[in-house]
Amino acid sequence: MKYTQYFLFTRNRSDRSVIEFEWIERVVACPIKSIRQADGRFKKWGFIQEEAKYLIVILLEDEETIHNAFFDRGFKGVNNEN
């Protein structure tokens, strides 16, 4: 996988360092929801059973480069708008 410098920098934050690369890869490969933003980037959500939380992964336009990954406290599931 490829990563932006922003992603690598934010990995140092205590709330982000717990996110395992395997979880990110799992969400990218098999998201429960995916949308393309107006700026061309992609948002992909997946449920991380180990943490009982939803993880959101932001990809650049190439859908290969990870720009951001964090637990999404506002995501309610695939049937909701958020």
C-alpha atoms as a PDB file:
ATOM      1  CA  MET A   1       0.000   0.000   0.000  1.00  0.00           C
ATOM      2  CA  LYS A   2       1.023   3.579  -0.563  1.00  0.00           C
ATOM      3  CA  TYR A   3       0.652   6.332   2.038  1.00  0.00           C
ATOM      4  CA  THR A   4       0.680  10.118   1.999  1.00  0.00           C
ATOM      5  CA  GLN A   5       3.068  12.030   4.248  1.00  0.00           C
ATOM      6  CA  TYR A   6       0.009  13.332   6.106  1.00  0.00           C
ATOM      7  CA  PHE A   7      -1.074   9.781   6.941  1.00  0.00           C
ATOM      8  CA  LEU A   8       2.403   8.832   8.153  1.00  0.00           C
ATOM      9  CA  PHE A   9       2.560  11.981  10.298  1.00  0.00           C
ATOM     10  CA  THR A  10      -0.841  11.420  11.914  1.00  0.00           C
ATOM     11  CA  ARG A  11       0.051   7.784  12.726  1.00  0.00           C
ATOM     12  CA  ASN A  12       2.091   9.226  15.610  1.00  0.00           C
ATOM     13  CA  ARG A  13      -1.040  10.447  17.399  1.00  0.00           C
ATOM     14  CA  SER A  14      -2.077   8.255  20.310  1.00  0.00           C
ATOM     15  CA  ASP A  15      -5.609   7.782  18.946  1.00  0.00           C
ATOM     16  CA  ARG A  16      -4.272   6.694  15.544  1.00  0.00           C
ATOM     17  CA  SER A  17      -1.324   4.537  16.550  1.00  0.00           C
ATOM     18  CA  VAL A  18      -3.670   1.765  17.730  1.00  0.00           C
ATOM     19  CA  ILE A  19      -5.066   1.332  14.208  1.00  0.00           C
ATOM     20  CA  GLU A  20      -3.416  -1.683  12.664  1.00  0.00           C
ATOM     21  CA  PHE A  21      -2.369  -1.695   9.014  1.00  0.00           C
ATOM     22  CA  GLU A  22      -4.197  -5.002   8.566  1.00  0.00           C
ATOM     23  CA  TRP A  23      -7.463  -3.289   9.558  1.00  0.00           C
ATOM     24  CA  ILE A  24      -6.872  -0.541   7.001  1.00  0.00           C
ATOM     25  CA  GLU A  25      -6.177  -3.114   4.299  1.00  0.00           C
ATOM     26  CA  ARG A  26      -9.323  -5.026   5.277  1.00  0.00           C
ATOM     27  CA  VAL A  27     -11.509  -1.917   4.971  1.00  0.00           C
ATOM     28  CA  VAL A  28      -9.997  -0.952   1.608  1.00  0.00           C
ATOM     29  CA  ALA A  29     -10.457  -4.470   0.226  1.00  0.00           C
ATOM     30  CA  CYS A  30     -13.986  -5.051   1.522  1.00  0.00           C
ATOM     31  CA  PRO A  31     -15.757  -1.899   2.757  1.00  0.00           C
ATOM     32  CA  ILE A  32     -19.288  -1.978   4.083  1.00  0.00           C
ATOM     33  CA  LYS A  33     -19.816   1.475   2.553  1.00  0.00           C
ATOM     34  CA  SER A  34     -17.843   3.494   0.021  1.00  0.00           C
ATOM     35  CA  ILE A  35     -18.417   6.931  -1.450  1.00  0.00           C
ATOM     36  CA  ARG A  36     -16.528   9.229  -3.775  1.00  0.00           C
ATOM     37  CA  GLN A  37     -16.156  12.750  -2.423  1.00  0.00           C
ATOM     38  CA  ALA A  38     -16.540  15.868  -4.555  1.00  0.00           C
ATOM     39  CA  ASP A  39     -12.743  16.311  -4.501  1.00  0.00           C
ATOM     40  CA  GLY A  40     -12.263  12.848  -6.047  1.00  0.00           C
ATOM     41  CA  ARG A  41     -11.067  11.115  -2.892  1.00  0.00           C
ATOM     42  CA  PHE A  42     -12.772   7.993  -1.610  1.00  0.00           C
ATOM     43  CA  LYS A  43     -14.175   7.260   1.834  1.00  0.00           C
ATOM     44  CA  LYS A  44     -14.470   3.632   2.860  1.00  0.00           C
ATOM     45  CA  TRP A  45     -15.934   2.315   6.101  1.00  0.00           C
ATOM     46  CA  GLY A  46     -15.523  -1.017   7.789  1.00  0.00           C
ATOM     47  CA  PHE A  47     -16.396  -2.471  11.154  1.00  0.00           C
ATOM     48  CA  ILE A  48     -13.387  -3.516  13.222  1.00  0.00           C
ATOM     49  CA  GLN A  49     -14.590  -6.332  15.435  1.00  0.00           C
ATOM     50  CA  GLU A  50     -11.491  -6.220  17.633  1.00  0.00           C
ATOM     51  CA  GLU A  51     -12.310  -2.641  18.689  1.00  0.00           C
ATOM     52  CA  ALA A  52     -16.102  -2.767  18.192  1.00  0.00           C
ATOM     53  CA  LYS A  53     -15.813   0.464  16.164  1.00  0.00           C
ATOM     54  CA  TYR A  54     -16.191   1.649  12.598  1.00  0.00           C
ATOM     55  CA  LEU A  55     -12.981   2.597  10.816  1.00  0.00           C
ATOM     56  CA  ILE A  56     -13.004   5.112   8.001  1.00  0.00           C
ATOM     57  CA  VAL A  57     -10.210   5.122   5.457  1.00  0.00           C
ATOM     58  CA  ILE A  58      -9.684   8.050   3.095  1.00  0.00           C
ATOM     59  CA  LEU A  59      -7.986   7.219  -0.194  1.00  0.00           C
ATOM     60  CA  LEU A  60      -6.651   9.552  -2.855  1.00  0.00           C
ATOM     61  CA  GLU A  61      -8.174   9.580  -6.333  1.00  0.00           C
ATOM     62  CA  ASP A  62      -6.078   6.561  -7.386  1.00  0.00           C
ATOM     63  CA  GLU A  63      -7.935   4.440  -4.773  1.00  0.00           C
ATOM     64  CA  GLU A  64      -4.552   3.022  -3.709  1.00  0.00           C
ATOM     65  CA  THR A  65      -2.915   5.739  -1.627  1.00  0.00           C
ATOM     66  CA  ILE A  66      -4.035   5.991   1.994  1.00  0.00           C
ATOM     67  CA  HIS A  67      -4.482   9.605   3.093  1.00  0.00           C
ATOM     68  CA  ASN A  68      -6.185   9.147   6.458  1.00  0.00           C
ATOM     69  CA  ALA A  69      -7.621   6.461   8.717  1.00  0.00           C
ATOM     70  CA  PHE A  70      -9.509   6.937  11.964  1.00  0.00           C
ATOM     71  CA  PHE A  71     -12.357   5.526  14.002  1.00  0.00           C
ATOM     72  CA  ASP A  72     -15.581   7.233  12.958  1.00  0.00           C
ATOM     73  CA  ARG A  73     -17.646   7.945  16.064  1.00  0.00           C
ATOM     74  CA  GLY A  74     -20.571   9.304  14.023  1.00  0.00           C
ATOM     75  CA  PHE A  75     -21.062   6.395  11.628  1.00  0.00           C
ATOM     76  CA  LYS A  76     -24.278   4.520  12.428  1.00  0.00           C
ATOM     77  CA  GLY A  77     -24.193   1.809   9.781  1.00  0.00           C
ATOM     78  CA  VAL A  78     -24.812   1.285   6.091  1.00  0.00           C
ATOM     79  CA  ASN A  79     -28.507   2.211   6.125  1.00  0.00           C
ATOM     80  CA  ASN A  80     -27.947   5.677   7.546  1.00  0.00           C
ATOM     81  CA  GLU A  81     -26.829   8.822   5.775  1.00  0.00           C
ATOM     82  CA  ASN A  82     -23.733   9.283   7.939  1.00  0.00           C
END
